[in-house]
Amino acid sequence: MSVNREELKKMIDHITEQDAVEVLDFIGYLNMKRECEALNNFERASVSSMDFGIMKWITGAGMMFKQGDILLISIPIY
């Protein structure tokens, strides 16, 4: 969807100060929402990659587990 930013700026120039505060707050909310989504996507990708690496290490070491087994792995946090 294309937005005419100049028209949007003109509309903002004609709203009350209180409405301008709410618009600014909403823009902050949208930015925060976008940042959280990006962080969640990065976290999911990191966990998925880490899971793959752990499973590759386990199977490479000749360890086999069946579904339902519990595997405890200590991972250092730096």
PDB file of N, CA and C in Angstrom:
ATOM      1  N   MET A   1       0.847  -1.179   0.000  1.00  0.00           N
ATOM      2  CA  MET A   1       0.000   0.000   0.000  1.00  0.00           C
ATOM      3  C   MET A   1       0.893   1.244   0.000  1.00  0.00           C
ATOM      4  N   SER A   2       0.653   2.121  -0.919  1.00  0.00           N
ATOM      5  CA  SER A   2       1.430   3.340  -1.036  1.00  0.00           C
ATOM      6  C   SER A   2       0.775   4.458  -0.220  1.00  0.00           C
ATOM      7  N   VAL A   3       1.599   5.200   0.502  1.00  0.00           N
ATOM      8  CA  VAL A   3       1.098   6.291   1.328  1.00  0.00           C
ATOM      9  C   VAL A   3       1.737   7.588   0.849  1.00  0.00           C
ATOM     10  N   ASN A   4       0.891   8.583   0.653  1.00  0.00           N
ATOM     11  CA  ASN A   4       1.382   9.904   0.303  1.00  0.00           C
ATOM     12  C   ASN A   4       1.844  10.578   1.593  1.00  0.00           C
ATOM     13  N   ARG A   5       3.145  10.578   1.826  1.00  0.00           N
ATOM     14  CA  ARG A   5       3.689  11.098   3.081  1.00  0.00           C
ATOM     15  C   ARG A   5       3.459  12.606   3.227  1.00  0.00           C
ATOM     16  N   GLU A   6       3.459  13.313   2.130  1.00  0.00           N
ATOM     17  CA  GLU A   6       3.216  14.758   2.204  1.00  0.00           C
ATOM     18  C   GLU A   6       1.797  15.027   2.682  1.00  0.00           C
ATOM     19  N   GLU A   7       0.846  14.262   2.186  1.00  0.00           N
ATOM     20  CA  GLU A   7      -0.547  14.400   2.625  1.00  0.00           C
ATOM     21  C   GLU A   7      -0.679  14.040   4.098  1.00  0.00           C
ATOM     22  N   LEU A   8       0.030  13.006   4.502  1.00  0.00           N
ATOM     23  CA  LEU A   8       0.021  12.590   5.904  1.00  0.00           C
ATOM     24  C   LEU A   8       0.579  13.705   6.794  1.00  0.00           C
ATOM     25  N   LYS A   9       1.662  14.332   6.357  1.00  0.00           N
ATOM     26  CA  LYS A   9       2.257  15.435   7.124  1.00  0.00           C
ATOM     27  C   LYS A   9       1.281  16.608   7.234  1.00  0.00           C
ATOM     28  N   LYS A  10       0.574  16.900   6.149  1.00  0.00           N
ATOM     29  CA  LYS A  10      -0.417  17.989   6.176  1.00  0.00           C
ATOM     30  C   LYS A  10      -1.539  17.674   7.153  1.00  0.00           C
ATOM     31  N   MET A  11      -1.972  16.424   7.170  1.00  0.00           N
ATOM     32  CA  MET A  11      -3.037  16.023   8.095  1.00  0.00           C
ATOM     33  C   MET A  11      -2.573  16.175   9.541  1.00  0.00           C
ATOM     34  N   ILE A  12      -1.335  15.800   9.806  1.00  0.00           N
ATOM     35  CA  ILE A  12      -0.796  15.913  11.157  1.00  0.00           C
ATOM     36  C   ILE A  12      -0.703  17.382  11.572  1.00  0.00           C
ATOM     37  N   ASP A  13      -0.386  18.263  10.624  1.00  0.00           N
ATOM     38  CA  ASP A  13      -0.298  19.695  10.927  1.00  0.00           C
ATOM     39  C   ASP A  13      -1.636  20.277  11.363  1.00  0.00           C
ATOM     40  N   HIS A  14      -2.727  19.612  11.031  1.00  0.00           N
ATOM     41  CA  HIS A  14      -4.054  20.160  11.323  1.00  0.00           C
ATOM     42  C   HIS A  14      -4.755  19.480  12.493  1.00  0.00           C
ATOM     43  N   ILE A  15      -4.073  18.632  13.236  1.00  0.00           N
ATOM     44  CA  ILE A  15      -4.725  17.984  14.378  1.00  0.00           C
ATOM     45  C   ILE A  15      -4.354  18.705  15.665  1.00  0.00           C
ATOM     46  N   THR A  16      -5.113  18.456  16.703  1.00  0.00           N
ATOM     47  CA  THR A  16      -4.848  19.106  17.991  1.00  0.00           C
ATOM     48  C   THR A  16      -3.548  18.574  18.590  1.00  0.00           C
ATOM     49  N   GLU A  17      -3.031  19.318  19.546  1.00  0.00           N
ATOM     50  CA  GLU A  17      -1.786  18.917  20.209  1.00  0.00           C
ATOM     51  C   GLU A  17      -1.959  17.564  20.912  1.00  0.00           C
ATOM     52  N   GLN A  18      -3.107  17.369  21.555  1.00  0.00           N
ATOM     53  CA  GLN A  18      -3.354  16.100  22.245  1.00  0.00           C
ATOM     54  C   GLN A  18      -3.387  14.938  21.245  1.00  0.00           C
ATOM     55  N   ASP A  19      -4.019  15.148  20.095  1.00  0.00           N
ATOM     56  CA  ASP A  19      -4.034  14.092  19.074  1.00  0.00           C
ATOM     57  C   ASP A  19      -2.636  13.839  18.527  1.00  0.00           C
ATOM     58  N   ALA A  20      -1.829  14.886  18.419  1.00  0.00           N
ATOM     59  CA  ALA A  20      -0.453  14.722  17.952  1.00  0.00           C
ATOM     60  C   ALA A  20       0.351  13.865  18.930  1.00  0.00           C
ATOM     61  N   VAL A  21       0.085  14.043  20.231  1.00  0.00           N
ATOM     62  CA  VAL A  21       0.756  13.226  21.247  1.00  0.00           C
ATOM     63  C   VAL A  21       0.364  11.760  21.061  1.00  0.00           C
ATOM     64  N   GLU A  22      -0.913  11.511  20.797  1.00  0.00           N
ATOM     65  CA  GLU A  22      -1.382  10.136  20.597  1.00  0.00           C
ATOM     66  C   GLU A  22      -0.796   9.528  19.321  1.00  0.00           C
ATOM     67  N   VAL A  23      -0.683  10.324  18.261  1.00  0.00           N
ATOM     68  CA  VAL A  23      -0.087   9.847  17.012  1.00  0.00           C
ATOM     69  C   VAL A  23       1.379   9.468  17.259  1.00  0.00           C
ATOM     70  N   LEU A  24       2.097  10.330  17.973  1.00  0.00           N
ATOM     71  CA  LEU A  24       3.487  10.048  18.294  1.00  0.00           C
ATOM     72  C   LEU A  24       3.615   8.775  19.129  1.00  0.00           C
ATOM     73  N   ASP A  25       2.727   8.609  20.089  1.00  0.00           N
ATOM     74  CA  ASP A  25       2.733   7.411  20.929  1.00  0.00           C
ATOM     75  C   ASP A  25       2.461   6.164  20.081  1.00  0.00           C
ATOM     76  N   PHE A  26       1.520   6.265  19.144  1.00  0.00           N
ATOM     77  CA  PHE A  26       1.185   5.131  18.287  1.00  0.00           C
ATOM     78  C   PHE A  26       2.359   4.766  17.368  1.00  0.00           C
ATOM     79  N   ILE A  27       3.053   5.773  16.848  1.00  0.00           N
ATOM     80  CA  ILE A  27       4.229   5.513  16.011  1.00  0.00           C
ATOM     81  C   ILE A  27       5.295   4.791  16.830  1.00  0.00           C
ATOM     82  N   GLY A  28       5.483   5.198  18.080  1.00  0.00           N
ATOM     83  CA  GLY A  28       6.414   4.512  18.968  1.00  0.00           C
ATOM     84  C   GLY A  28       6.017   3.065  19.185  1.00  0.00           C
ATOM     85  N   TYR A  29       4.695   2.841  19.363  1.00  0.00           N
ATOM     86  CA  TYR A  29       4.184   1.474  19.526  1.00  0.00           C
ATOM     87  C   TYR A  29       4.484   0.629  18.285  1.00  0.00           C
ATOM     88  N   LEU A  30       4.236   1.182  17.100  1.00  0.00           N
ATOM     89  CA  LEU A  30       4.494   0.438  15.861  1.00  0.00           C
ATOM     90  C   LEU A  30       5.973   0.092  15.717  1.00  0.00           C
ATOM     91  N   ASN A  31       6.856   1.031  16.058  1.00  0.00           N
ATOM     92  CA  ASN A  31       8.294   0.765  15.986  1.00  0.00           C
ATOM     93  C   ASN A  31       8.699  -0.330  16.962  1.00  0.00           C
ATOM     94  N   MET A  32       8.167  -0.270  18.181  1.00  0.00           N
ATOM     95  CA  MET A  32       8.482  -1.277  19.188  1.00  0.00           C
ATOM     96  C   MET A  32       7.962  -2.650  18.753  1.00  0.00           C
ATOM     97  N   LYS A  33       6.768  -2.688  18.187  1.00  0.00           N
ATOM     98  CA  LYS A  33       6.176  -3.946  17.713  1.00  0.00           C
ATOM     99  C   LYS A  33       7.059  -4.569  16.618  1.00  0.00           C
ATOM    100  N   ARG A  34       7.517  -3.749  15.691  1.00  0.00           N
ATOM    101  CA  ARG A  34       8.376  -4.230  14.602  1.00  0.00           C
ATOM    102  C   ARG A  34       9.700  -4.764  15.155  1.00  0.00           C
ATOM    103  N   GLU A  35      10.282  -4.064  16.128  1.00  0.00           N
ATOM    104  CA  GLU A  35      11.537  -4.511  16.727  1.00  0.00           C
ATOM    105  C   GLU A  35      11.351  -5.828  17.476  1.00  0.00           C
ATOM    106  N   CYS A  36      10.235  -5.974  18.188  1.00  0.00           N
ATOM    107  CA  CYS A  36       9.960  -7.223  18.914  1.00  0.00           C
ATOM    108  C   CYS A  36       9.778  -8.386  17.947  1.00  0.00           C
ATOM    109  N   GLU A  37       9.077  -8.159  16.845  1.00  0.00           N
ATOM    110  CA  GLU A  37       8.891  -9.216  15.850  1.00  0.00           C
ATOM    111  C   GLU A  37      10.228  -9.637  15.245  1.00  0.00           C
ATOM    112  N   ALA A  38      11.080  -8.668  14.963  1.00  0.00           N
ATOM    113  CA  ALA A  38      12.400  -8.978  14.403  1.00  0.00           C
ATOM    114  C   ALA A  38      13.234  -9.771  15.410  1.00  0.00           C
ATOM    115  N   LEU A  39      13.174  -9.378  16.679  1.00  0.00           N
ATOM    116  CA  LEU A  39      13.907 -10.088  17.723  1.00  0.00           C
ATOM    117  C   LEU A  39      13.376 -11.510  17.887  1.00  0.00           C
ATOM    118  N   ASN A  40      12.051 -11.679  17.866  1.00  0.00           N
ATOM    119  CA  ASN A  40      11.462 -13.013  17.976  1.00  0.00           C
ATOM    120  C   ASN A  40      11.868 -13.894  16.795  1.00  0.00           C
ATOM    121  N   ASN A  41      11.876 -13.336  15.593  1.00  0.00           N
ATOM    122  CA  ASN A  41      12.300 -14.104  14.410  1.00  0.00           C
ATOM    123  C   ASN A  41      13.760 -14.521  14.533  1.00  0.00           C
ATOM    124  N   PHE A  42      14.601 -13.619  15.005  1.00  0.00           N
ATOM    125  CA  PHE A  42      16.015 -13.932  15.191  1.00  0.00           C
ATOM    126  C   PHE A  42      16.184 -15.022  16.253  1.00  0.00           C
ATOM    127  N   GLU A  43      15.415 -14.901  17.338  1.00  0.00           N
ATOM    128  CA  GLU A  43      15.508 -15.890  18.418  1.00  0.00           C
ATOM    129  C   GLU A  43      15.077 -17.265  17.930  1.00  0.00           C
ATOM    130  N   ARG A  44      13.973 -17.324  17.166  1.00  0.00           N
ATOM    131  CA  ARG A  44      13.509 -18.614  16.627  1.00  0.00           C
ATOM    132  C   ARG A  44      14.557 -19.224  15.706  1.00  0.00           C
ATOM    133  N   ALA A  45      15.166 -18.413  14.869  1.00  0.00           N
ATOM    134  CA  ALA A  45      16.195 -18.910  13.952  1.00  0.00           C
ATOM    135  C   ALA A  45      17.411 -19.407  14.732  1.00  0.00           C
ATOM    136  N   SER A  46      17.784 -18.697  15.774  1.00  0.00           N
ATOM    137  CA  SER A  46      18.936 -19.098  16.584  1.00  0.00           C
ATOM    138  C   SER A  46      18.675 -20.417  17.292  1.00  0.00           C
ATOM    139  N   VAL A  47      17.490 -20.559  17.886  1.00  0.00           N
ATOM    140  CA  VAL A  47      17.142 -21.795  18.594  1.00  0.00           C
ATOM    141  C   VAL A  47      17.089 -22.956  17.623  1.00  0.00           C
ATOM    142  N   SER A  48      16.495 -22.730  16.462  1.00  0.00           N
ATOM    143  CA  SER A  48      16.402 -23.785  15.455  1.00  0.00           C
ATOM    144  C   SER A  48      17.794 -24.230  15.022  1.00  0.00           C
ATOM    145  N   SER A  49      18.680 -23.276  14.810  1.00  0.00           N
ATOM    146  CA  SER A  49      20.043 -23.578  14.410  1.00  0.00           C
ATOM    147  C   SER A  49      20.775 -24.324  15.519  1.00  0.00           C
ATOM    148  N   MET A  50      20.567 -23.892  16.759  1.00  0.00           N
ATOM    149  CA  MET A  50      21.208 -24.543  17.889  1.00  0.00           C
ATOM    150  C   MET A  50      20.684 -25.973  18.050  1.00  0.00           C
ATOM    151  N   ASP A  51      19.367 -26.167  17.899  1.00  0.00           N
ATOM    152  CA  ASP A  51      18.777 -27.505  17.982  1.00  0.00           C
ATOM    153  C   ASP A  51      19.399 -28.421  16.936  1.00  0.00           C
ATOM    154  N   PHE A  52      19.558 -27.911  15.710  1.00  0.00           N
ATOM    155  CA  PHE A  52      20.149 -28.708  14.642  1.00  0.00           C
ATOM    156  C   PHE A  52      21.580 -29.095  14.991  1.00  0.00           C
ATOM    157  N   GLY A  53      22.345 -28.143  15.517  1.00  0.00           N
ATOM    158  CA  GLY A  53      23.732 -28.408  15.889  1.00  0.00           C
ATOM    159  C   GLY A  53      23.837 -29.438  16.992  1.00  0.00           C
ATOM    160  N   ILE A  54      22.967 -29.350  17.985  1.00  0.00           N
ATOM    161  CA  ILE A  54      22.972 -30.311  19.089  1.00  0.00           C
ATOM    162  C   ILE A  54      22.613 -31.694  18.575  1.00  0.00           C
ATOM    163  N   MET A  55      21.576 -31.790  17.743  1.00  0.00           N
ATOM    164  CA  MET A  55      21.170 -33.102  17.226  1.00  0.00           C
ATOM    165  C   MET A  55      22.263 -33.692  16.337  1.00  0.00           C
ATOM    166  N   LYS A  56      22.948 -32.845  15.579  1.00  0.00           N
ATOM    167  CA  LYS A  56      24.050 -33.324  14.736  1.00  0.00           C
ATOM    168  C   LYS A  56      25.175 -33.875  15.614  1.00  0.00           C
ATOM    169  N   TRP A  57      25.480 -33.183  16.707  1.00  0.00           N
ATOM    170  CA  TRP A  57      26.514 -33.629  17.632  1.00  0.00           C
ATOM    171  C   TRP A  57      26.117 -34.949  18.292  1.00  0.00           C
ATOM    172  N   ILE A  58      24.855 -35.066  18.728  1.00  0.00           N
ATOM    173  CA  ILE A  58      24.382 -36.275  19.409  1.00  0.00           C
ATOM    174  C   ILE A  58      24.446 -37.478  18.471  1.00  0.00           C
ATOM    175  N   THR A  59      23.922 -37.313  17.270  1.00  0.00           N
ATOM    176  CA  THR A  59      23.926 -38.445  16.340  1.00  0.00           C
ATOM    177  C   THR A  59      25.332 -38.753  15.859  1.00  0.00           C
ATOM    178  N   GLY A  60      26.182 -37.740  15.725  1.00  0.00           N
ATOM    179  CA  GLY A  60      27.571 -37.954  15.328  1.00  0.00           C
ATOM    180  C   GLY A  60      28.358 -38.697  16.394  1.00  0.00           C
ATOM    181  N   ALA A  61      27.957 -38.538  17.661  1.00  0.00           N
ATOM    182  CA  ALA A  61      28.639 -39.218  18.760  1.00  0.00           C
ATOM    183  C   ALA A  61      28.087 -40.629  18.953  1.00  0.00           C
ATOM    184  N   GLY A  62      27.153 -41.015  18.111  1.00  0.00           N
ATOM    185  CA  GLY A  62      26.595 -42.364  18.190  1.00  0.00           C
ATOM    186  C   GLY A  62      25.531 -42.524  19.255  1.00  0.00           C
ATOM    187  N   MET A  63      25.030 -41.413  19.787  1.00  0.00           N
ATOM    188  CA  MET A  63      23.981 -41.499  20.796  1.00  0.00           C
ATOM    189  C   MET A  63      22.619 -41.471  20.103  1.00  0.00           C
ATOM    190  N   MET A  64      21.798 -42.386  20.429  1.00  0.00           N
ATOM    191  CA  MET A  64      20.471 -42.437  19.827  1.00  0.00           C
ATOM    192  C   MET A  64      19.425 -42.328  20.937  1.00  0.00           C
ATOM    193  N   PHE A  65      18.426 -41.562  20.698  1.00  0.00           N
ATOM    194  CA  PHE A  65      17.347 -41.383  21.659  1.00  0.00           C
ATOM    195  C   PHE A  65      16.027 -41.623  20.955  1.00  0.00           C
ATOM    196  N   LYS A  66      15.081 -42.133  21.709  1.00  0.00           N
ATOM    197  CA  LYS A  66      13.749 -42.305  21.140  1.00  0.00           C
ATOM    198  C   LYS A  66      12.878 -41.137  21.607  1.00  0.00           C
ATOM    199  N   GLN A  67      11.788 -40.925  20.910  1.00  0.00           N
ATOM    200  CA  GLN A  67      10.900 -39.827  21.253  1.00  0.00           C
ATOM    201  C   GLN A  67      10.411 -40.013  22.687  1.00  0.00           C
ATOM    202  N   GLY A  68      10.429 -38.949  23.456  1.00  0.00           N
ATOM    203  CA  GLY A  68       9.999 -38.994  24.843  1.00  0.00           C
ATOM    204  C   GLY A  68      11.157 -39.033  25.815  1.00  0.00           C
ATOM    205  N   ASP A  69      12.362 -39.398  25.344  1.00  0.00           N
ATOM    206  CA  ASP A  69      13.537 -39.366  26.217  1.00  0.00           C
ATOM    207  C   ASP A  69      13.846 -37.918  26.573  1.00  0.00           C
ATOM    208  N   ILE A  70      14.390 -37.731  27.742  1.00  0.00           N
ATOM    209  CA  ILE A  70      14.774 -36.401  28.191  1.00  0.00           C
ATOM    210  C   ILE A  70      16.290 -36.300  28.124  1.00  0.00           C
ATOM    211  N   LEU A  71      16.770 -35.267  27.491  1.00  0.00           N
ATOM    212  CA  LEU A  71      18.199 -35.052  27.323  1.00  0.00           C
ATOM    213  C   LEU A  71      18.561 -33.739  27.997  1.00  0.00           C
ATOM    214  N   LEU A  72      19.454 -33.790  28.964  1.00  0.00           N
ATOM    215  CA  LEU A  72      19.900 -32.588  29.650  1.00  0.00           C
ATOM    216  C   LEU A  72      21.291 -32.228  29.150  1.00  0.00           C
ATOM    217  N   ILE A  73      21.426 -31.017  28.666  1.00  0.00           N
ATOM    218  CA  ILE A  73      22.708 -30.553  28.134  1.00  0.00           C
ATOM    219  C   ILE A  73      23.009 -29.224  28.819  1.00  0.00           C
ATOM    220  N   SER A  74      24.199 -29.111  29.359  1.00  0.00           N
ATOM    221  CA  SER A  74      24.642 -27.874  29.982  1.00  0.00           C
ATOM    222  C   SER A  74      25.302 -27.013  28.912  1.00  0.00           C
ATOM    223  N   ILE A  75      24.774 -25.821  28.705  1.00  0.00           N
ATOM    224  CA  ILE A  75      25.305 -24.915  27.697  1.00  0.00           C
ATOM    225  C   ILE A  75      25.803 -23.659  28.416  1.00  0.00           C
ATOM    226  N   PRO A  76      27.095 -23.371  28.317  1.00  0.00           N
ATOM    227  CA  PRO A  76      27.609 -22.168  28.989  1.00  0.00           C
ATOM    228  C   PRO A  76      27.046 -20.902  28.342  1.00  0.00           C
ATOM    229  N   ILE A  77      26.747 -19.939  29.163  1.00  0.00           N
ATOM    230  CA  ILE A  77      26.253 -18.643  28.690  1.00  0.00           C
ATOM    231  C   ILE A  77      27.344 -17.615  28.941  1.00  0.00           C
ATOM    232  N   TYR A  78      27.744 -16.969  27.898  1.00  0.00           N
ATOM    233  CA  TYR A  78      28.829 -15.975  28.007  1.00  0.00           C
ATOM    234  C   TYR A  78      28.265 -14.600  28.067  1.00  0.00           C
TER     235      TYR A  78
END
